[in-house]
Protein backbone atom coordinates (compact mmCIF):
# COMPACT_ATOMS: atom_id res chain seq x y z
CA MET A 1 -7.27 19.32 -5.60
CA LYS A 2 -4.72 16.64 -6.45
CA LYS A 3 -5.37 14.29 -9.31
CA GLN A 4 -5.88 10.71 -8.14
CA VAL A 5 -3.10 8.31 -9.07
CA THR A 6 -4.17 5.06 -10.72
CA PRO A 7 -2.29 1.79 -10.13
CA SER A 8 -0.94 1.92 -13.70
CA GLN A 9 0.75 5.23 -12.78
CA ASP A 10 2.16 3.99 -9.46
CA PRO A 11 5.97 3.69 -9.57
CA ALA A 12 5.86 0.57 -7.37
CA VAL A 13 3.37 -1.19 -9.66
CA ILE A 14 5.43 -0.20 -12.70
CA ALA A 15 8.57 -1.59 -11.02
CA LEU A 16 6.75 -4.82 -10.12
CA ASN A 17 5.72 -5.21 -13.76
CA ARG A 18 9.35 -4.73 -14.77
CA VAL A 19 10.40 -7.42 -12.28
CA ALA A 20 7.89 -9.81 -13.84
CA ALA A 21 8.99 -8.89 -17.37
CA ALA A 22 12.69 -9.43 -16.59
CA ARG A 23 12.14 -13.20 -16.24
CA GLU A 24 15.52 -14.88 -16.79
CA ASP A 25 17.54 -11.73 -17.51
CA ASP A 26 19.44 -11.33 -14.24
CA SER A 27 20.70 -7.81 -14.87
CA ARG A 28 17.22 -6.49 -15.78
CA TYR A 29 15.77 -8.34 -12.77
CA LEU A 30 18.26 -6.77 -10.34
CA VAL A 31 17.63 -3.28 -11.74
CA ALA A 32 13.87 -3.78 -11.42
CA ILE A 33 14.17 -5.13 -7.85
CA VAL A 34 16.28 -2.14 -6.78
CA GLU A 35 13.71 0.14 -8.40
CA LEU A 36 10.89 -1.60 -6.49
CA GLU A 37 12.84 -1.35 -3.23
CA THR A 38 13.52 2.37 -3.55
CA CYS A 39 10.50 3.88 -5.30
CA ARG A 40 7.45 5.39 -3.63
CA ALA A 41 4.17 3.51 -3.41
CA LEU A 42 1.27 5.78 -4.32
CA THR A 43 -1.63 3.31 -4.35
CA ALA A 44 -2.78 0.33 -2.30
CA GLN A 45 -1.52 -1.96 -5.07
CA GLY A 46 1.92 -0.36 -4.86
CA VAL A 47 2.02 -0.81 -1.09
CA ARG A 48 0.97 -4.44 -1.54
CA ALA A 49 3.78 -5.00 -4.09
CA LYS A 50 6.34 -3.60 -1.68
CA ARG A 51 4.94 -5.59 1.27
CA ASN A 52 5.14 -8.79 -0.80
CA LEU A 53 8.79 -8.05 -1.53
CA GLU A 54 9.41 -7.42 2.16
CA ARG A 55 7.68 -10.70 3.07
CA SER A 56 9.77 -12.65 0.57
CA ARG A 57 12.93 -11.15 2.06
CA ILE A 58 11.82 -12.06 5.58
CA SER A 59 10.96 -15.56 4.39
CA ALA A 60 14.49 -15.89 3.00
CA LEU A 61 15.86 -14.89 6.40
CA ASN A 62 13.71 -17.53 8.06
CA ARG A 63 15.18 -20.13 5.71
CA GLY A 64 18.67 -19.25 6.89
CA ASP A 65 19.82 -16.50 4.53
CA VAL A 66 21.98 -13.79 6.05
CA PHE A 67 21.78 -10.13 5.16
CA THR A 68 24.84 -8.00 4.74
CA ALA A 69 24.93 -4.52 6.23
CA GLN A 70 23.83 -3.19 2.84
CA GLY A 71 20.95 -5.69 2.76
CA ARG A 72 19.78 -4.57 6.20
CA MET A 73 19.89 -0.94 5.08
CA MET A 74 17.80 -1.81 2.01
CA MET A 75 15.25 -3.60 4.22
CA GLU A 76 15.02 -0.53 6.45
CA HIS A 77 14.58 1.69 3.41
CA LEU A 78 11.94 -0.67 2.00
CA ALA A 79 10.04 -0.59 5.30
CA HIS A 80 10.27 3.21 5.33
CA THR A 81 8.84 3.52 1.81
CA ILE A 82 6.00 1.15 2.78
CA ASP A 83 5.23 3.31 5.81
CA ASP A 84 5.26 6.43 3.61
CA GLY A 85 2.83 4.80 1.18
CA LEU A 86 0.47 3.80 3.98
CA ALA A 87 0.63 7.31 5.47
CA ARG A 88 -0.17 8.83 2.06
CA LEU A 89 -3.16 6.54 1.58
CA THR A 90 -4.41 7.37 5.08
CA ARG A 91 -4.12 11.12 4.44
CA GLU A 92 -6.02 10.77 1.16
CA ALA A 93 -8.77 8.78 2.85
CA MET A 94 -9.10 11.38 5.61
CA ARG A 95 -9.25 14.24 3.09
CA LYS A 96 -11.90 12.40 1.12
CA ARG A 97 -13.88 11.70 4.29
CA ARG A 98 -13.74 15.36 5.37
CA SER A 99 -14.85 16.56 1.94
CA GLN A 100 -17.99 14.43 2.05
CA PRO A 101 -20.95 15.82 4.01
CA ALA A 102 -21.51 14.07 7.29
CA TYR A 103 -24.65 12.03 7.64
CA THR A 104 -26.82 13.33 10.46
CA PRO A 105 -29.90 11.26 11.12
CA GLY A 106 -33.14 12.99 12.00
CA PRO A 107 -35.15 12.37 15.15
CA PRO A 108 -36.04 8.77 15.97
CA PRO A 109 -39.29 7.59 14.38
CA THR A 110 -42.40 7.76 16.53
CA PRO A 111 -44.55 4.64 16.81
CA ARG A 112 -47.87 4.79 15.00
CA GLY A 113 -51.14 3.61 16.44
CA GLY A 114 -50.21 3.90 20.08
CA ALA A 115 -48.93 1.25 22.40
CA ARG A 116 -50.59 -2.18 22.48
CA ARG A 117 -51.36 -3.91 25.73
CA LEU A 118 -51.58 -7.60 26.11
């Protein structure tokens, strides 16, 4: 059985923390953003970090920014890594669900005391 990954071990969460830590250092910020764009998301928090990045990029487009061909390729890659993360989380949930015994209710309860007539 695979060991469960915690958010602190998720490459996307680690990259997001590096983005936040870069603050005003442009070179560190760009390296951390590229890392966040390209790494795998292994937890729901990692998927959320990548989706937030995707949303901010789409918001920039809505404000009039234009992507270069390289920018469009990065957006496609970002979307692909988000899809991979969601697929991984779905597979884990299904494995967990299958490993748990299914609940099977017993017969319906019978009324006690007979039927009352009005």
